[in-house]
N, C-alpha and C. Protein backbone atom coordinates (compact mmCIF):
# COMPACT_ATOMS: atom_id res chain seq x y z
N UNK A 1 -8.51 68.45 -10.87
CA UNK A 1 -9.31 68.20 -9.70
C UNK A 1 -9.88 66.79 -9.79
N UNK A 2 -9.66 66.00 -8.75
CA UNK A 2 -10.17 64.64 -8.71
C UNK A 2 -11.63 64.63 -8.28
N UNK A 3 -12.37 63.77 -8.92
CA UNK A 3 -13.78 63.63 -8.52
C UNK A 3 -13.90 62.57 -7.44
N UNK A 4 -14.91 62.67 -6.67
CA UNK A 4 -15.16 61.73 -5.58
C UNK A 4 -16.43 60.95 -5.88
N UNK A 5 -16.57 60.51 -7.12
CA UNK A 5 -17.81 59.85 -7.54
C UNK A 5 -18.07 58.58 -6.73
N UNK A 6 -17.03 57.78 -6.51
CA UNK A 6 -17.21 56.53 -5.75
C UNK A 6 -17.68 56.84 -4.33
N UNK A 7 -17.08 57.85 -3.72
CA UNK A 7 -17.48 58.23 -2.36
C UNK A 7 -18.91 58.75 -2.35
N UNK A 8 -19.29 59.51 -3.37
CA UNK A 8 -20.67 60.01 -3.46
C UNK A 8 -21.67 58.86 -3.56
N UNK A 9 -21.33 57.86 -4.34
CA UNK A 9 -22.22 56.70 -4.50
C UNK A 9 -22.35 55.94 -3.19
N UNK A 10 -21.23 55.73 -2.51
CA UNK A 10 -21.26 54.99 -1.24
C UNK A 10 -22.06 55.75 -0.20
N UNK A 11 -21.81 57.04 -0.07
CA UNK A 11 -22.54 57.84 0.92
C UNK A 11 -24.03 57.90 0.57
N UNK A 12 -24.36 58.02 -0.70
CA UNK A 12 -25.76 58.01 -1.10
C UNK A 12 -26.45 56.72 -0.74
N UNK A 13 -25.77 55.60 -0.95
CA UNK A 13 -26.34 54.30 -0.58
C UNK A 13 -26.52 54.19 0.93
N UNK A 14 -25.54 54.67 1.69
CA UNK A 14 -25.64 54.61 3.15
C UNK A 14 -26.79 55.48 3.66
N UNK A 15 -26.96 56.65 3.09
CA UNK A 15 -28.06 57.53 3.51
C UNK A 15 -29.40 56.91 3.15
N UNK A 16 -29.49 56.30 1.97
CA UNK A 16 -30.73 55.63 1.58
C UNK A 16 -31.04 54.47 2.51
N UNK A 17 -30.02 53.69 2.88
CA UNK A 17 -30.22 52.59 3.82
C UNK A 17 -30.64 53.10 5.19
N UNK A 18 -30.04 54.21 5.63
CA UNK A 18 -30.44 54.81 6.90
C UNK A 18 -31.91 55.22 6.86
N UNK A 19 -32.33 55.80 5.75
CA UNK A 19 -33.74 56.19 5.60
C UNK A 19 -34.67 55.00 5.65
N UNK A 20 -34.29 53.91 4.97
CA UNK A 20 -35.11 52.71 5.01
C UNK A 20 -35.17 52.13 6.41
N UNK A 21 -34.04 52.16 7.12
CA UNK A 21 -34.01 51.67 8.50
C UNK A 21 -34.94 52.50 9.38
N UNK A 22 -34.92 53.82 9.22
CA UNK A 22 -35.79 54.69 10.02
C UNK A 22 -37.25 54.42 9.69
N UNK A 23 -37.57 54.22 8.41
CA UNK A 23 -38.95 53.91 8.04
C UNK A 23 -39.42 52.61 8.66
N UNK A 24 -38.61 51.57 8.58
CA UNK A 24 -38.99 50.27 9.14
C UNK A 24 -39.09 50.36 10.66
N UNK A 25 -38.12 51.03 11.28
CA UNK A 25 -38.15 51.15 12.74
C UNK A 25 -39.36 51.95 13.21
N UNK A 26 -39.75 52.97 12.45
CA UNK A 26 -40.90 53.78 12.87
C UNK A 26 -42.20 53.00 12.78
N UNK A 27 -42.25 52.00 11.93
CA UNK A 27 -43.46 51.17 11.85
C UNK A 27 -43.64 50.31 13.11
N UNK A 28 -42.57 50.07 13.82
CA UNK A 28 -42.63 49.24 15.02
C UNK A 28 -42.93 50.04 16.29
N UNK A 29 -43.06 51.36 16.18
CA UNK A 29 -43.37 52.19 17.35
C UNK A 29 -44.83 51.94 17.73
N UNK A 30 -45.04 51.60 18.99
CA UNK A 30 -46.40 51.32 19.44
C UNK A 30 -47.18 52.62 19.61
N UNK A 31 -48.49 52.51 19.53
CA UNK A 31 -49.36 53.67 19.60
C UNK A 31 -50.01 53.76 20.98
N UNK A 32 -49.25 53.59 22.04
CA UNK A 32 -49.79 53.60 23.38
C UNK A 32 -50.12 54.99 23.88
N UNK A 33 -51.10 55.07 24.75
CA UNK A 33 -51.44 56.34 25.37
C UNK A 33 -52.31 57.22 24.50
N UNK A 34 -52.79 58.28 25.13
CA UNK A 34 -53.62 59.23 24.41
C UNK A 34 -52.77 60.46 24.13
N UNK A 35 -52.29 60.56 22.92
CA UNK A 35 -51.45 61.69 22.52
C UNK A 35 -52.14 62.42 21.37
N UNK A 36 -51.83 63.67 21.24
CA UNK A 36 -52.37 64.42 20.10
C UNK A 36 -51.68 64.00 18.81
N UNK A 37 -50.39 63.76 18.87
CA UNK A 37 -49.64 63.32 17.70
C UNK A 37 -49.18 61.89 17.91
N UNK A 38 -49.18 61.14 16.85
CA UNK A 38 -48.69 59.77 16.91
C UNK A 38 -47.18 59.78 17.10
N UNK A 39 -46.62 58.79 17.81
CA UNK A 39 -45.16 58.73 17.94
C UNK A 39 -44.46 58.54 16.60
N UNK A 40 -45.20 58.13 15.58
CA UNK A 40 -44.61 57.93 14.25
C UNK A 40 -44.54 59.23 13.44
N UNK A 41 -45.10 60.30 13.97
CA UNK A 41 -45.24 61.53 13.20
C UNK A 41 -43.90 62.05 12.68
N UNK A 42 -42.87 62.03 13.49
CA UNK A 42 -41.59 62.60 13.07
C UNK A 42 -40.66 61.59 12.40
N UNK A 43 -40.57 60.33 12.84
CA UNK A 43 -39.66 59.40 12.16
C UNK A 43 -40.05 59.08 10.72
N UNK A 44 -41.33 59.00 10.42
CA UNK A 44 -41.74 58.66 9.05
C UNK A 44 -41.28 59.69 8.01
N UNK A 45 -41.53 60.98 8.21
CA UNK A 45 -41.04 61.94 7.21
C UNK A 45 -39.51 61.98 7.11
N UNK A 46 -38.84 61.84 8.25
CA UNK A 46 -37.37 61.84 8.21
C UNK A 46 -36.85 60.63 7.45
N UNK A 47 -37.47 59.49 7.64
CA UNK A 47 -37.07 58.30 6.89
C UNK A 47 -37.28 58.48 5.40
N UNK A 48 -38.41 59.09 5.04
CA UNK A 48 -38.67 59.35 3.61
C UNK A 48 -37.65 60.33 3.04
N UNK A 49 -37.33 61.36 3.81
CA UNK A 49 -36.35 62.35 3.34
C UNK A 49 -34.98 61.72 3.13
N UNK A 50 -34.53 60.91 4.10
CA UNK A 50 -33.23 60.26 3.97
C UNK A 50 -33.22 59.30 2.79
N UNK A 51 -34.29 58.54 2.63
CA UNK A 51 -34.34 57.58 1.52
C UNK A 51 -34.30 58.29 0.18
N UNK A 52 -35.07 59.35 0.05
CA UNK A 52 -35.08 60.05 -1.24
C UNK A 52 -33.78 60.81 -1.48
N UNK A 53 -33.20 61.37 -0.43
CA UNK A 53 -31.94 62.10 -0.60
C UNK A 53 -30.80 61.15 -0.94
N UNK A 54 -30.81 59.97 -0.36
CA UNK A 54 -29.75 59.02 -0.64
C UNK A 54 -29.85 58.40 -2.01
N UNK A 55 -31.06 58.33 -2.54
CA UNK A 55 -31.23 57.68 -3.84
C UNK A 55 -30.99 58.64 -5.01
N UNK A 56 -30.82 59.92 -4.73
CA UNK A 56 -30.59 60.89 -5.83
C UNK A 56 -29.15 61.15 -6.00
């Protein structure tokens, strides 16, 4: 059985980069209007999850 170690490393790096992109992009979301939840509420945790999942 052949291992796909190189593919695993590449995909992990891409997922980590996607997570970093989501984190940076979520910082640029403006806080306009009166909302109960900040517009950053959902992108920040997803960015953290992608970054940590890609780096493992």
